[in-house]
Amino acid sequence: MYQFSYAEVLDENPVERRRSEREAVERSIQLLRIAEQAGLRSRETVEALSFLRQLWMFFLQELAQDSNELPKELRAKLISIGLWLLREAEDIRNEKSANFVGLIEISTMISEGLQ
């Protein structure tokens, strides 16, 4: 499983930070694809949803900081997207949804935006 310390990411320069964030989002996408194939009640789904949740909780925390240098409007949009991803992941975890495709598509757009 891909492990990273966000403190390490924050210590990097902006280009390296974006690369690290993109790699983490891409890892999330990989895990979601594996989970989709394995099914809702699989260990792979638990792992993918856990990783996605940890990643987005970190992103949301960073986006909420006044010291975040992104424009306020962009931060608000990213927070909204992150909250949607977390709600959708929770619905999958509770077997109310199987929308891996939605999580993958949105995560792919975020990854492409980090390039």
C-alpha atoms as a PDB file:
ATOM      1  CA  MET A   1       0.000   0.000   0.000  1.00  0.00           C
ATOM      2  CA  TYR A   2       1.250   3.479  -0.862  1.00  0.00           C
ATOM      3  CA  GLN A   3       2.243   5.343   2.291  1.00  0.00           C
ATOM      4  CA  PHE A   4       3.217   8.970   2.516  1.00  0.00           C
ATOM      5  CA  SER A   5       3.567  11.582   5.177  1.00  0.00           C
ATOM      6  CA  TYR A   6       1.955  14.843   4.255  1.00  0.00           C
ATOM      7  CA  ALA A   7       4.518  16.628   6.403  1.00  0.00           C
ATOM      8  CA  GLU A   8       7.071  15.283   3.919  1.00  0.00           C
ATOM      9  CA  VAL A   9       4.969  16.553   1.029  1.00  0.00           C
ATOM     10  CA  LEU A  10       4.679  20.011   2.591  1.00  0.00           C
ATOM     11  CA  ASP A  11       8.449  20.207   2.935  1.00  0.00           C
ATOM     12  CA  GLU A  12       8.864  19.742  -0.807  1.00  0.00           C
ATOM     13  CA  ASN A  13       8.882  22.504  -3.368  1.00  0.00           C
ATOM     14  CA  PRO A  14       5.543  23.222  -5.121  1.00  0.00           C
ATOM     15  CA  VAL A  15       6.380  21.116  -8.191  1.00  0.00           C
ATOM     16  CA  GLU A  16       7.362  18.125  -6.065  1.00  0.00           C
ATOM     17  CA  ARG A  17       4.337  18.650  -3.828  1.00  0.00           C
ATOM     18  CA  ARG A  18       1.980  18.501  -6.819  1.00  0.00           C
ATOM     19  CA  ARG A  19       3.747  15.411  -8.123  1.00  0.00           C
ATOM     20  CA  SER A  20       3.374  13.714  -4.741  1.00  0.00           C
ATOM     21  CA  GLU A  21      -0.295  14.673  -4.540  1.00  0.00           C
ATOM     22  CA  ARG A  22      -0.887  13.401  -8.078  1.00  0.00           C
ATOM     23  CA  GLU A  23       0.827  10.098  -7.247  1.00  0.00           C
ATOM     24  CA  ALA A  24      -1.388   9.682  -4.186  1.00  0.00           C
ATOM     25  CA  VAL A  25      -4.549  10.379  -6.217  1.00  0.00           C
ATOM     26  CA  GLU A  26      -3.365   7.961  -8.914  1.00  0.00           C
ATOM     27  CA  ARG A  27      -2.789   5.296  -6.254  1.00  0.00           C
ATOM     28  CA  SER A  28      -6.326   5.891  -5.044  1.00  0.00           C
ATOM     29  CA  ILE A  29      -7.601   5.365  -8.588  1.00  0.00           C
ATOM     30  CA  GLN A  30      -5.655   2.101  -8.887  1.00  0.00           C
ATOM     31  CA  LEU A  31      -7.091   0.837  -5.619  1.00  0.00           C
ATOM     32  CA  LEU A  32     -10.622   1.812  -6.678  1.00  0.00           C
ATOM     33  CA  ARG A  33     -10.269  -0.082  -9.959  1.00  0.00           C
ATOM     34  CA  ILE A  34      -9.093  -3.179  -8.123  1.00  0.00           C
ATOM     35  CA  ALA A  35     -11.959  -2.819  -5.631  1.00  0.00           C
ATOM     36  CA  GLU A  36     -14.523  -2.458  -8.393  1.00  0.00           C
ATOM     37  CA  GLN A  37     -13.411  -5.803  -9.821  1.00  0.00           C
ATOM     38  CA  ALA A  38     -13.286  -7.481  -6.411  1.00  0.00           C
ATOM     39  CA  GLY A  39     -16.779  -6.416  -5.329  1.00  0.00           C
ATOM     40  CA  LEU A  40     -18.442  -4.448  -2.561  1.00  0.00           C
ATOM     41  CA  ARG A  41     -17.695  -6.828   0.301  1.00  0.00           C
ATOM     42  CA  SER A  42     -14.055  -7.402  -0.548  1.00  0.00           C
ATOM     43  CA  ARG A  43     -10.904  -6.566   1.385  1.00  0.00           C
ATOM     44  CA  GLU A  44      -9.843  -4.570  -1.683  1.00  0.00           C
ATOM     45  CA  THR A  45     -12.887  -2.331  -1.358  1.00  0.00           C
ATOM     46  CA  VAL A  46     -12.167  -1.710   2.318  1.00  0.00           C
ATOM     47  CA  GLU A  47      -8.566  -0.832   1.460  1.00  0.00           C
ATOM     48  CA  ALA A  48      -9.524   1.456  -1.447  1.00  0.00           C
ATOM     49  CA  LEU A  49     -12.174   3.332   0.524  1.00  0.00           C
ATOM     50  CA  SER A  50      -9.877   3.703   3.520  1.00  0.00           C
ATOM     51  CA  PHE A  51      -7.094   5.113   1.359  1.00  0.00           C
ATOM     52  CA  LEU A  52      -9.505   7.496  -0.403  1.00  0.00           C
ATOM     53  CA  ARG A  53     -10.890   8.679   2.921  1.00  0.00           C
ATOM     54  CA  GLN A  54      -7.456   9.304   4.444  1.00  0.00           C
ATOM     55  CA  LEU A  55      -6.264  11.106   1.328  1.00  0.00           C
ATOM     56  CA  TRP A  56      -9.276  13.386   1.092  1.00  0.00           C
ATOM     57  CA  MET A  57      -9.392  14.100   4.799  1.00  0.00           C
ATOM     58  CA  PHE A  58      -5.830  15.323   4.428  1.00  0.00           C
ATOM     59  CA  PHE A  59      -6.688  17.384   1.317  1.00  0.00           C
ATOM     60  CA  LEU A  60      -9.753  18.894   3.010  1.00  0.00           C
ATOM     61  CA  GLN A  61      -7.724  19.834   6.049  1.00  0.00           C
ATOM     62  CA  GLU A  62      -5.137  21.520   3.854  1.00  0.00           C
ATOM     63  CA  LEU A  63      -7.747  23.287   1.728  1.00  0.00           C
ATOM     64  CA  ALA A  64      -9.428  24.706   4.838  1.00  0.00           C
ATOM     65  CA  GLN A  65      -6.217  26.377   6.045  1.00  0.00           C
ATOM     66  CA  ASP A  66      -6.072  30.160   5.670  1.00  0.00           C
ATOM     67  CA  SER A  67      -2.418  29.735   4.739  1.00  0.00           C
ATOM     68  CA  ASN A  68      -3.357  27.652   1.664  1.00  0.00           C
ATOM     69  CA  GLU A  69      -2.201  29.631  -1.372  1.00  0.00           C
ATOM     70  CA  LEU A  70      -4.881  28.428  -3.780  1.00  0.00           C
ATOM     71  CA  PRO A  71      -7.556  30.989  -4.678  1.00  0.00           C
ATOM     72  CA  LYS A  72     -10.456  30.863  -2.231  1.00  0.00           C
ATOM     73  CA  GLU A  73     -13.015  30.012  -4.943  1.00  0.00           C
ATOM     74  CA  LEU A  74     -10.924  27.066  -6.197  1.00  0.00           C
ATOM     75  CA  ARG A  75     -10.440  25.838  -2.632  1.00  0.00           C
ATOM     76  CA  ALA A  76     -14.204  25.952  -2.080  1.00  0.00           C
ATOM     77  CA  LYS A  77     -14.823  23.934  -5.255  1.00  0.00           C
ATOM     78  CA  LEU A  78     -12.215  21.345  -4.281  1.00  0.00           C
ATOM     79  CA  ILE A  79     -13.717  21.066  -0.803  1.00  0.00           C
ATOM     80  CA  SER A  80     -17.117  20.452  -2.374  1.00  0.00           C
ATOM     81  CA  ILE A  81     -15.664  17.749  -4.625  1.00  0.00           C
ATOM     82  CA  GLY A  82     -13.854  16.159  -1.692  1.00  0.00           C
ATOM     83  CA  LEU A  83     -17.010  16.051   0.388  1.00  0.00           C
ATOM     84  CA  TRP A  84     -18.883  14.410  -2.494  1.00  0.00           C
ATOM     85  CA  LEU A  85     -16.146  11.798  -2.843  1.00  0.00           C
ATOM     86  CA  LEU A  86     -16.299  11.050   0.882  1.00  0.00           C
ATOM     87  CA  ARG A  87     -20.112  10.754   0.852  1.00  0.00           C
ATOM     88  CA  GLU A  88     -20.041   8.488  -2.190  1.00  0.00           C
ATOM     89  CA  ALA A  89     -17.326   6.330  -0.620  1.00  0.00           C
ATOM     90  CA  GLU A  90     -19.417   6.038   2.538  1.00  0.00           C
ATOM     91  CA  ASP A  91     -22.433   4.950   0.462  1.00  0.00           C
ATOM     92  CA  ILE A  92     -20.295   2.262  -1.155  1.00  0.00           C
ATOM     93  CA  ARG A  93     -19.030   1.144   2.238  1.00  0.00           C
ATOM     94  CA  ASN A  94     -22.629   0.869   3.454  1.00  0.00           C
ATOM     95  CA  GLU A  95     -23.594  -0.976   0.250  1.00  0.00           C
ATOM     96  CA  LYS A  96     -26.045   1.776  -0.725  1.00  0.00           C
ATOM     97  CA  SER A  97     -24.093   2.379  -3.927  1.00  0.00           C
ATOM     98  CA  ALA A  98     -21.574   0.699  -6.185  1.00  0.00           C
ATOM     99  CA  ASN A  99     -20.475   3.908  -7.900  1.00  0.00           C
ATOM    100  CA  PHE A 100     -16.788   3.130  -8.244  1.00  0.00           C
ATOM    101  CA  VAL A 101     -16.943   4.629 -11.745  1.00  0.00           C
ATOM    102  CA  GLY A 102     -17.955   8.030 -10.367  1.00  0.00           C
ATOM    103  CA  LEU A 103     -15.150   8.002  -7.805  1.00  0.00           C
ATOM    104  CA  ILE A 104     -12.650   6.958 -10.473  1.00  0.00           C
ATOM    105  CA  GLU A 105     -13.804   9.588 -12.991  1.00  0.00           C
ATOM    106  CA  ILE A 106     -13.694  12.469 -10.508  1.00  0.00           C
ATOM    107  CA  SER A 107     -10.362  11.302  -9.105  1.00  0.00           C
ATOM    108  CA  THR A 108      -8.959  11.090 -12.637  1.00  0.00           C
ATOM    109  CA  MET A 109      -9.999  14.690 -13.305  1.00  0.00           C
ATOM    110  CA  ILE A 110      -8.316  15.791 -10.077  1.00  0.00           C
ATOM    111  CA  SER A 111      -5.160  13.881 -11.032  1.00  0.00           C
ATOM    112  CA  GLU A 112      -5.079  15.490 -14.461  1.00  0.00           C
ATOM    113  CA  GLY A 113      -5.480  18.908 -12.842  1.00  0.00           C
ATOM    114  CA  LEU A 114      -2.384  18.265 -10.730  1.00  0.00           C
ATOM    115  CA  GLN A 115      -0.164  17.782 -13.781  1.00  0.00           C
END
